[in-house]
Amino acid sequence: MNPAFGEALIERLPALRRYALSLARRSDQADDLLQITVERALTAADSYDPAARLDPWLFRIMRNAFIDTTRRQRTRGTEVDVFDTPEALPTDTQPAIEARLMLRTTAAAMTDLPPDQQEVLILVCVQELSYAEAAEVLDIPRGTVMSRLSRARLALAARLGIK
């Protein structure tokens, strides 16, 4: 493995973790998904084209790993984590509390969107991929990314009472 590849992978871990959280919605599952992604990326490092951007390639690996994991979980049945508890809101300043509440409201509104719109919204607006890169990750045409993103933004704005 090329040492530069390893360094580039390490630099992208925060973005990969954010994407894993958006897919898995639980930090423990996101950590597992991140680990699977890094393992697969390191294993397939020789197949990576250095001329291409690394982010879409890694996001695609993560999305495929998430799909694989989700399919496996369906066959297991319902699992309950006994350690799940609501997070306590720490004492904070008013603007920080308002920002946190708006973020939670937005995140909750995003969960009401269809999964295809959620994915596009996360890749373009949160992970800051271009339309072409998001299309590559999702294996769909660029125009489909644009239309899904437009519908997602309109639906999200309506749910939040912004427009």
C-alpha atoms as a PDB file:
ATOM      1  CA  MET A   1       0.000   0.000   0.000  1.00  0.00           C
ATOM      2  CA  ASN A   2       1.126   3.479  -0.843  1.00  0.00           C
ATOM      3  CA  PRO A   3       1.838   5.544   2.324  1.00  0.00           C
ATOM      4  CA  ALA A   4       0.182   8.584   0.690  1.00  0.00           C
ATOM      5  CA  PHE A   5      -3.023   6.553   0.330  1.00  0.00           C
ATOM      6  CA  GLY A   6      -2.998   5.774   4.055  1.00  0.00           C
ATOM      7  CA  GLU A   7      -2.471   9.434   4.947  1.00  0.00           C
ATOM      8  CA  ALA A   8      -5.273  10.541   2.613  1.00  0.00           C
ATOM      9  CA  LEU A   9      -7.567   7.931   4.155  1.00  0.00           C
ATOM     10  CA  ILE A  10      -6.793   9.175   7.674  1.00  0.00           C
ATOM     11  CA  GLU A  11      -7.547  12.770   6.627  1.00  0.00           C
ATOM     12  CA  ARG A  12     -11.005  11.704   5.465  1.00  0.00           C
ATOM     13  CA  LEU A  13     -11.988   9.833   8.632  1.00  0.00           C
ATOM     14  CA  PRO A  14     -14.044  12.743  10.091  1.00  0.00           C
ATOM     15  CA  ALA A  15     -16.108  13.065   6.901  1.00  0.00           C
ATOM     16  CA  LEU A  16     -16.536   9.304   6.722  1.00  0.00           C
ATOM     17  CA  ARG A  17     -17.676   9.225  10.368  1.00  0.00           C
ATOM     18  CA  ARG A  18     -20.279  11.923   9.670  1.00  0.00           C
ATOM     19  CA  TYR A  19     -21.591   9.978   6.697  1.00  0.00           C
ATOM     20  CA  ALA A  20     -21.634   6.767   8.754  1.00  0.00           C
ATOM     21  CA  LEU A  21     -23.679   8.538  11.455  1.00  0.00           C
ATOM     22  CA  SER A  22     -26.131   9.791   8.853  1.00  0.00           C
ATOM     23  CA  LEU A  23     -26.599   6.266   7.534  1.00  0.00           C
ATOM     24  CA  ALA A  24     -26.578   4.270  10.779  1.00  0.00           C
ATOM     25  CA  ARG A  25     -28.112   6.895  13.114  1.00  0.00           C
ATOM     26  CA  ARG A  26     -26.335   5.341  16.119  1.00  0.00           C
ATOM     27  CA  SER A  27     -22.751   6.075  17.075  1.00  0.00           C
ATOM     28  CA  ASP A  28     -21.839   2.464  17.862  1.00  0.00           C
ATOM     29  CA  GLN A  29     -23.157   1.255  14.502  1.00  0.00           C
ATOM     30  CA  ALA A  30     -21.511   4.202  12.755  1.00  0.00           C
ATOM     31  CA  ASP A  31     -18.174   3.248  14.305  1.00  0.00           C
ATOM     32  CA  ASP A  32     -18.617  -0.327  13.076  1.00  0.00           C
ATOM     33  CA  LEU A  33     -19.511   0.936   9.612  1.00  0.00           C
ATOM     34  CA  LEU A  34     -16.462   3.203   9.584  1.00  0.00           C
ATOM     35  CA  GLN A  35     -14.224   0.296  10.535  1.00  0.00           C
ATOM     36  CA  ILE A  36     -15.679  -1.913   7.798  1.00  0.00           C
ATOM     37  CA  THR A  37     -15.165   0.894   5.281  1.00  0.00           C
ATOM     38  CA  VAL A  38     -11.531   1.436   6.239  1.00  0.00           C
ATOM     39  CA  GLU A  39     -10.848  -2.297   6.108  1.00  0.00           C
ATOM     40  CA  ARG A  40     -12.400  -2.602   2.660  1.00  0.00           C
ATOM     41  CA  ALA A  41     -10.603   0.505   1.409  1.00  0.00           C
ATOM     42  CA  LEU A  42      -7.239  -0.778   2.601  1.00  0.00           C
ATOM     43  CA  THR A  43      -7.913  -4.179   1.079  1.00  0.00           C
ATOM     44  CA  ALA A  44      -8.914  -2.633  -2.249  1.00  0.00           C
ATOM     45  CA  ALA A  45      -6.281   0.133  -2.235  1.00  0.00           C
ATOM     46  CA  ASP A  46      -4.636  -1.329  -5.335  1.00  0.00           C
ATOM     47  CA  SER A  47      -7.878  -0.930  -7.314  1.00  0.00           C
ATOM     48  CA  TYR A  48      -8.174   2.796  -6.476  1.00  0.00           C
ATOM     49  CA  ASP A  49      -7.391   5.132  -9.364  1.00  0.00           C
ATOM     50  CA  PRO A  50      -5.158   7.936  -7.985  1.00  0.00           C
ATOM     51  CA  ALA A  51      -6.397  10.249 -10.751  1.00  0.00           C
ATOM     52  CA  ALA A  52      -9.913  10.149  -9.270  1.00  0.00           C
ATOM     53  CA  ARG A  53     -11.068  11.855  -6.063  1.00  0.00           C
ATOM     54  CA  LEU A  54     -10.861   9.618  -3.027  1.00  0.00           C
ATOM     55  CA  ASP A  55     -14.035  10.846  -1.275  1.00  0.00           C
ATOM     56  CA  PRO A  56     -16.620   9.425  -3.705  1.00  0.00           C
ATOM     57  CA  TRP A  57     -14.770   6.119  -3.810  1.00  0.00           C
ATOM     58  CA  LEU A  58     -14.776   5.863  -0.005  1.00  0.00           C
ATOM     59  CA  PHE A  59     -18.409   6.979   0.316  1.00  0.00           C
ATOM     60  CA  ARG A  60     -19.417   4.334  -2.212  1.00  0.00           C
ATOM     61  CA  ILE A  61     -17.581   1.663  -0.208  1.00  0.00           C
ATOM     62  CA  MET A  62     -19.359   2.868   2.945  1.00  0.00           C
ATOM     63  CA  ARG A  63     -22.779   2.934   1.315  1.00  0.00           C
ATOM     64  CA  ASN A  64     -22.294  -0.597   0.002  1.00  0.00           C
ATOM     65  CA  ALA A  65     -21.121  -1.747   3.443  1.00  0.00           C
ATOM     66  CA  PHE A  66     -24.207  -0.145   5.005  1.00  0.00           C
ATOM     67  CA  ILE A  67     -26.473  -1.934   2.533  1.00  0.00           C
ATOM     68  CA  ASP A  68     -24.719  -5.243   3.268  1.00  0.00           C
ATOM     69  CA  THR A  69     -25.037  -4.690   7.021  1.00  0.00           C
ATOM     70  CA  THR A  70     -28.702  -3.711   6.758  1.00  0.00           C
ATOM     71  CA  ARG A  71     -29.502  -6.824   4.746  1.00  0.00           C
ATOM     72  CA  ARG A  72     -27.740  -8.989   7.325  1.00  0.00           C
ATOM     73  CA  GLN A  73     -29.629  -7.338  10.187  1.00  0.00           C
ATOM     74  CA  ARG A  74     -32.989  -8.058   8.565  1.00  0.00           C
ATOM     75  CA  THR A  75     -32.316 -11.771   8.806  1.00  0.00           C
ATOM     76  CA  ARG A  76     -31.338 -11.489  12.491  1.00  0.00           C
ATOM     77  CA  GLY A  77     -34.623  -9.985  13.640  1.00  0.00           C
ATOM     78  CA  THR A  78     -35.110  -7.187  16.131  1.00  0.00           C
ATOM     79  CA  GLU A  79     -32.201  -6.322  18.391  1.00  0.00           C
ATOM     80  CA  VAL A  80     -32.496  -4.081  21.433  1.00  0.00           C
ATOM     81  CA  ASP A  81     -29.498  -2.345  22.967  1.00  0.00           C
ATOM     82  CA  VAL A  82     -29.956  -2.157  26.746  1.00  0.00           C
ATOM     83  CA  PHE A  83     -27.545   0.769  26.971  1.00  0.00           C
ATOM     84  CA  ASP A  84     -29.604   3.124  24.809  1.00  0.00           C
ATOM     85  CA  THR A  85     -30.626   6.134  26.837  1.00  0.00           C
ATOM     86  CA  PRO A  86     -31.613   9.629  25.812  1.00  0.00           C
ATOM     87  CA  GLU A  87     -28.714  12.048  25.914  1.00  0.00           C
ATOM     88  CA  ALA A  88     -28.900  14.619  28.676  1.00  0.00           C
ATOM     89  CA  LEU A  89     -28.819  18.175  27.418  1.00  0.00           C
ATOM     90  CA  PRO A  90     -25.902  19.915  29.117  1.00  0.00           C
ATOM     91  CA  THR A  91     -26.232  23.409  30.528  1.00  0.00           C
ATOM     92  CA  ASP A  92     -25.380  25.714  27.687  1.00  0.00           C
ATOM     93  CA  THR A  93     -25.808  29.269  26.471  1.00  0.00           C
ATOM     94  CA  GLN A  94     -29.079  30.241  24.788  1.00  0.00           C
ATOM     95  CA  PRO A  95     -27.740  30.479  21.200  1.00  0.00           C
ATOM     96  CA  ALA A  96     -26.095  27.069  21.493  1.00  0.00           C
ATOM     97  CA  ILE A  97     -29.320  25.550  22.809  1.00  0.00           C
ATOM     98  CA  GLU A  98     -31.331  27.110  19.975  1.00  0.00           C
ATOM     99  CA  ALA A  99     -28.819  25.878  17.418  1.00  0.00           C
ATOM    100  CA  ARG A 100     -28.901  22.377  18.900  1.00  0.00           C
ATOM    101  CA  LEU A 101     -32.710  22.346  18.881  1.00  0.00           C
ATOM    102  CA  MET A 102     -32.795  23.533  15.269  1.00  0.00           C
ATOM    103  CA  LEU A 103     -30.282  20.854  14.337  1.00  0.00           C
ATOM    104  CA  ARG A 104     -32.383  18.171  16.056  1.00  0.00           C
ATOM    105  CA  THR A 105     -35.545  19.471  14.398  1.00  0.00           C
ATOM    106  CA  THR A 106     -33.834  19.425  11.019  1.00  0.00           C
ATOM    107  CA  ALA A 107     -32.438  15.930  11.607  1.00  0.00           C
ATOM    108  CA  ALA A 108     -35.877  14.705  12.650  1.00  0.00           C
ATOM    109  CA  ALA A 109     -37.456  16.297   9.577  1.00  0.00           C
ATOM    110  CA  MET A 110     -34.825  14.629   7.392  1.00  0.00           C
ATOM    111  CA  THR A 111     -35.839  11.198   8.704  1.00  0.00           C
ATOM    112  CA  ASP A 112     -39.332  11.800   7.276  1.00  0.00           C
ATOM    113  CA  LEU A 113     -37.889  12.195   3.778  1.00  0.00           C
ATOM    114  CA  PRO A 114     -37.757   9.188   1.462  1.00  0.00           C
ATOM    115  CA  PRO A 115     -34.406   7.352   1.754  1.00  0.00           C
ATOM    116  CA  ASP A 116     -33.309   8.304  -1.766  1.00  0.00           C
ATOM    117  CA  GLN A 117     -33.801  11.996  -0.968  1.00  0.00           C
ATOM    118  CA  GLN A 118     -32.040  11.628   2.405  1.00  0.00           C
ATOM    119  CA  GLU A 119     -28.981  10.094   0.761  1.00  0.00           C
ATOM    120  CA  VAL A 120     -28.673  12.836  -1.846  1.00  0.00           C
ATOM    121  CA  LEU A 121     -29.207  15.583   0.741  1.00  0.00           C
ATOM    122  CA  ILE A 122     -26.516  14.144   3.007  1.00  0.00           C
ATOM    123  CA  LEU A 123     -23.971  13.590   0.250  1.00  0.00           C
ATOM    124  CA  VAL A 124     -24.396  17.026  -1.360  1.00  0.00           C
ATOM    125  CA  CYS A 125     -25.286  19.285   1.588  1.00  0.00           C
ATOM    126  CA  VAL A 126     -23.457  17.625   4.478  1.00  0.00           C
ATOM    127  CA  GLN A 127     -20.549  15.833   2.827  1.00  0.00           C
ATOM    128  CA  GLU A 128     -20.213  18.586   0.192  1.00  0.00           C
ATOM    129  CA  LEU A 129     -19.872  16.271  -2.795  1.00  0.00           C
ATOM    130  CA  SER A 130     -20.575  17.657  -6.239  1.00  0.00           C
ATOM    131  CA  TYR A 131     -23.651  16.453  -8.107  1.00  0.00           C
ATOM    132  CA  ALA A 132     -21.419  14.300 -10.315  1.00  0.00           C
ATOM    133  CA  GLU A 133     -19.660  12.752  -7.321  1.00  0.00           C
ATOM    134  CA  ALA A 134     -22.958  12.024  -5.567  1.00  0.00           C
ATOM    135  CA  ALA A 135     -24.248  10.460  -8.781  1.00  0.00           C
ATOM    136  CA  GLU A 136     -21.157   8.266  -8.881  1.00  0.00           C
ATOM    137  CA  VAL A 137     -21.580   7.184  -5.247  1.00  0.00           C
ATOM    138  CA  LEU A 138     -25.264   6.356  -5.737  1.00  0.00           C
ATOM    139  CA  ASP A 139     -24.803   4.974  -9.264  1.00  0.00           C
ATOM    140  CA  ILE A 140     -27.546   7.202 -10.706  1.00  0.00           C
ATOM    141  CA  PRO A 141     -27.580   9.956 -13.374  1.00  0.00           C
ATOM    142  CA  ARG A 142     -26.530  13.485 -12.366  1.00  0.00           C
ATOM    143  CA  GLY A 143     -29.966  14.838 -13.299  1.00  0.00           C
ATOM    144  CA  THR A 144     -31.591  12.393 -10.889  1.00  0.00           C
ATOM    145  CA  VAL A 145     -29.336  13.705  -8.118  1.00  0.00           C
ATOM    146  CA  MET A 146     -30.396  17.251  -8.928  1.00  0.00           C
ATOM    147  CA  SER A 147     -34.121  16.471  -8.968  1.00  0.00           C
ATOM    148  CA  ARG A 148     -33.969  14.410  -5.754  1.00  0.00           C
ATOM    149  CA  LEU A 149     -32.019  17.169  -4.057  1.00  0.00           C
ATOM    150  CA  SER A 150     -34.524  19.784  -5.173  1.00  0.00           C
ATOM    151  CA  ARG A 151     -37.466  17.721  -3.890  1.00  0.00           C
ATOM    152  CA  ALA A 152     -35.622  17.007  -0.625  1.00  0.00           C
ATOM    153  CA  ARG A 153     -34.858  20.682  -0.027  1.00  0.00           C
ATOM    154  CA  LEU A 154     -38.459  21.725  -0.733  1.00  0.00           C
ATOM    155  CA  ALA A 155     -39.878  18.997   1.504  1.00  0.00           C
ATOM    156  CA  LEU A 156     -37.434  19.834   4.291  1.00  0.00           C
ATOM    157  CA  ALA A 157     -38.236  23.538   4.085  1.00  0.00           C
ATOM    158  CA  ALA A 158     -41.966  22.773   4.238  1.00  0.00           C
ATOM    159  CA  ARG A 159     -41.519  20.502   7.276  1.00  0.00           C
ATOM    160  CA  LEU A 160     -39.482  23.174   9.041  1.00  0.00           C
ATOM    161  CA  GLY A 161     -41.905  25.954   8.098  1.00  0.00           C
ATOM    162  CA  ILE A 162     -39.168  27.893   6.319  1.00  0.00           C
ATOM    163  CA  LYS A 163     -41.000  28.521   3.067  1.00  0.00           C
END
